[in-house]
């Protein structure tokens, strides 16, 4: 899903700007390993809404910085594919 990919790209960008590695981010948001962060950054897995808040805090950004425009993309994907997942 395009939404996951874009959110992952944003998370990766903010993480790299902070000079943080994947394991450090995993520790801050409550994941056990950097593999989880790698999957998120590649858009392979969904992020629960409550975890978006954790990512924003860990990356010292506002939630809207991470999710801006994603609802419009999700609506478009649903119209095209008919499948919200």
C-alpha atoms as a PDB file:
ATOM      1  CA  UNK A   1       0.000   0.000   0.000  1.00  0.00           C
ATOM      2  CA  UNK A   2       1.308   3.400  -0.982  1.00  0.00           C
ATOM      3  CA  UNK A   3       0.380   4.924   2.388  1.00  0.00           C
ATOM      4  CA  UNK A   4       2.707   2.560   4.247  1.00  0.00           C
ATOM      5  CA  UNK A   5       5.524   3.213   1.802  1.00  0.00           C
ATOM      6  CA  UNK A   6       5.247   7.000   2.121  1.00  0.00           C
ATOM      7  CA  UNK A   7       4.973   6.868   5.909  1.00  0.00           C
ATOM      8  CA  UNK A   8       8.041   4.605   5.986  1.00  0.00           C
ATOM      9  CA  UNK A   9      10.016   7.009   3.801  1.00  0.00           C
ATOM     10  CA  UNK A  10       9.120   9.892   6.107  1.00  0.00           C
ATOM     11  CA  UNK A  11      10.099   7.950   9.221  1.00  0.00           C
ATOM     12  CA  UNK A  12      13.414   6.952   7.645  1.00  0.00           C
ATOM     13  CA  UNK A  13      14.129  10.528   6.594  1.00  0.00           C
ATOM     14  CA  UNK A  14      13.477  11.968  10.047  1.00  0.00           C
ATOM     15  CA  UNK A  15      15.470   9.145  11.670  1.00  0.00           C
ATOM     16  CA  UNK A  16      18.469   9.783   9.454  1.00  0.00           C
ATOM     17  CA  UNK A  17      18.288  13.540  10.050  1.00  0.00           C
ATOM     18  CA  UNK A  18      18.434  12.847  13.786  1.00  0.00           C
ATOM     19  CA  UNK A  19      21.533  10.686  13.258  1.00  0.00           C
ATOM     20  CA  UNK A  20      19.701   7.754  14.788  1.00  0.00           C
ATOM     21  CA  UNK A  21      20.138   4.150  13.688  1.00  0.00           C
ATOM     22  CA  UNK A  22      17.272   1.685  13.317  1.00  0.00           C
ATOM     23  CA  UNK A  23      17.977  -0.063  16.614  1.00  0.00           C
ATOM     24  CA  UNK A  24      17.921   3.219  18.533  1.00  0.00           C
ATOM     25  CA  UNK A  25      14.551   4.070  17.007  1.00  0.00           C
ATOM     26  CA  UNK A  26      13.255   0.570  17.739  1.00  0.00           C
ATOM     27  CA  UNK A  27      14.233   0.987  21.388  1.00  0.00           C
ATOM     28  CA  UNK A  28      12.516   4.386  21.625  1.00  0.00           C
ATOM     29  CA  UNK A  29       9.216   3.208  20.131  1.00  0.00           C
ATOM     30  CA  UNK A  30       9.087  -0.178  21.856  1.00  0.00           C
ATOM     31  CA  UNK A  31      10.074  -2.621  19.114  1.00  0.00           C
ATOM     32  CA  UNK A  32      12.488  -5.428  19.937  1.00  0.00           C
ATOM     33  CA  UNK A  33      14.680  -5.207  16.877  1.00  0.00           C
ATOM     34  CA  UNK A  34      15.815  -3.026  14.036  1.00  0.00           C
ATOM     35  CA  UNK A  35      14.226  -5.533  11.632  1.00  0.00           C
ATOM     36  CA  UNK A  36      10.807  -4.156  12.584  1.00  0.00           C
ATOM     37  CA  UNK A  37      11.941  -0.624  11.782  1.00  0.00           C
ATOM     38  CA  UNK A  38      13.441  -1.792   8.475  1.00  0.00           C
ATOM     39  CA  UNK A  39      10.076  -3.315   7.479  1.00  0.00           C
ATOM     40  CA  UNK A  40       8.227  -0.146   8.464  1.00  0.00           C
ATOM     41  CA  UNK A  41      10.646   2.053   6.543  1.00  0.00           C
ATOM     42  CA  UNK A  42      10.194  -0.135   3.453  1.00  0.00           C
ATOM     43  CA  UNK A  43       6.398   0.059   3.782  1.00  0.00           C
ATOM     44  CA  UNK A  44       6.087  -3.687   4.239  1.00  0.00           C
ATOM     45  CA  UNK A  45       3.966  -3.590   7.380  1.00  0.00           C
ATOM     46  CA  UNK A  46       1.247  -1.403   8.834  1.00  0.00           C
ATOM     47  CA  UNK A  47       1.845   0.869  11.793  1.00  0.00           C
ATOM     48  CA  UNK A  48      -0.951   1.011  14.372  1.00  0.00           C
ATOM     49  CA  UNK A  49      -2.252   4.559  14.848  1.00  0.00           C
ATOM     50  CA  UNK A  50      -1.036   4.726  18.438  1.00  0.00           C
ATOM     51  CA  UNK A  51       2.491   3.869  17.278  1.00  0.00           C
ATOM     52  CA  UNK A  52       2.524   6.862  14.918  1.00  0.00           C
ATOM     53  CA  UNK A  53       2.410   9.021  18.044  1.00  0.00           C
ATOM     54  CA  UNK A  54       5.346   7.064  19.495  1.00  0.00           C
ATOM     55  CA  UNK A  55       7.335   7.551  16.282  1.00  0.00           C
ATOM     56  CA  UNK A  56       6.606  11.286  16.282  1.00  0.00           C
ATOM     57  CA  UNK A  57       7.805  11.607  19.882  1.00  0.00           C
ATOM     58  CA  UNK A  58      10.930   9.542  19.282  1.00  0.00           C
ATOM     59  CA  UNK A  59      11.793  11.554  16.170  1.00  0.00           C
ATOM     60  CA  UNK A  60      10.891  14.870  17.845  1.00  0.00           C
ATOM     61  CA  UNK A  61       8.389  15.849  15.152  1.00  0.00           C
ATOM     62  CA  UNK A  62       4.674  16.520  15.178  1.00  0.00           C
ATOM     63  CA  UNK A  63       2.251  13.754  14.166  1.00  0.00           C
ATOM     64  CA  UNK A  64       0.975  15.849  11.200  1.00  0.00           C
ATOM     65  CA  UNK A  65       4.543  15.932   9.846  1.00  0.00           C
ATOM     66  CA  UNK A  66       4.366  12.149   9.493  1.00  0.00           C
ATOM     67  CA  UNK A  67       0.803  11.722   8.250  1.00  0.00           C
ATOM     68  CA  UNK A  68       0.156  14.828   6.147  1.00  0.00           C
ATOM     69  CA  UNK A  69      -1.640  13.862   2.912  1.00  0.00           C
ATOM     70  CA  UNK A  70      -1.884  10.152   3.670  1.00  0.00           C
ATOM     71  CA  UNK A  71      -5.676  10.086   4.001  1.00  0.00           C
ATOM     72  CA  UNK A  72      -6.056  11.445   0.471  1.00  0.00           C
ATOM     73  CA  UNK A  73      -3.738   8.742  -0.859  1.00  0.00           C
ATOM     74  CA  UNK A  74      -5.695   6.056   0.987  1.00  0.00           C
ATOM     75  CA  UNK A  75      -8.982   7.335  -0.456  1.00  0.00           C
ATOM     76  CA  UNK A  76      -7.522   7.313  -3.961  1.00  0.00           C
ATOM     77  CA  UNK A  77      -6.191   3.770  -3.543  1.00  0.00           C
ATOM     78  CA  UNK A  78      -9.586   2.609  -2.335  1.00  0.00           C
ATOM     79  CA  UNK A  79     -11.306   4.153  -5.353  1.00  0.00           C
ATOM     80  CA  UNK A  80      -8.831   2.519  -7.736  1.00  0.00           C
ATOM     81  CA  UNK A  81      -8.426  -0.876  -6.078  1.00  0.00           C
ATOM     82  CA  UNK A  82     -11.593  -1.143  -4.017  1.00  0.00           C
ATOM     83  CA  UNK A  83      -9.480  -2.615  -1.236  1.00  0.00           C
ATOM     84  CA  UNK A  84      -8.496  -0.449   1.761  1.00  0.00           C
ATOM     85  CA  UNK A  85      -5.682  -2.812   2.820  1.00  0.00           C
END
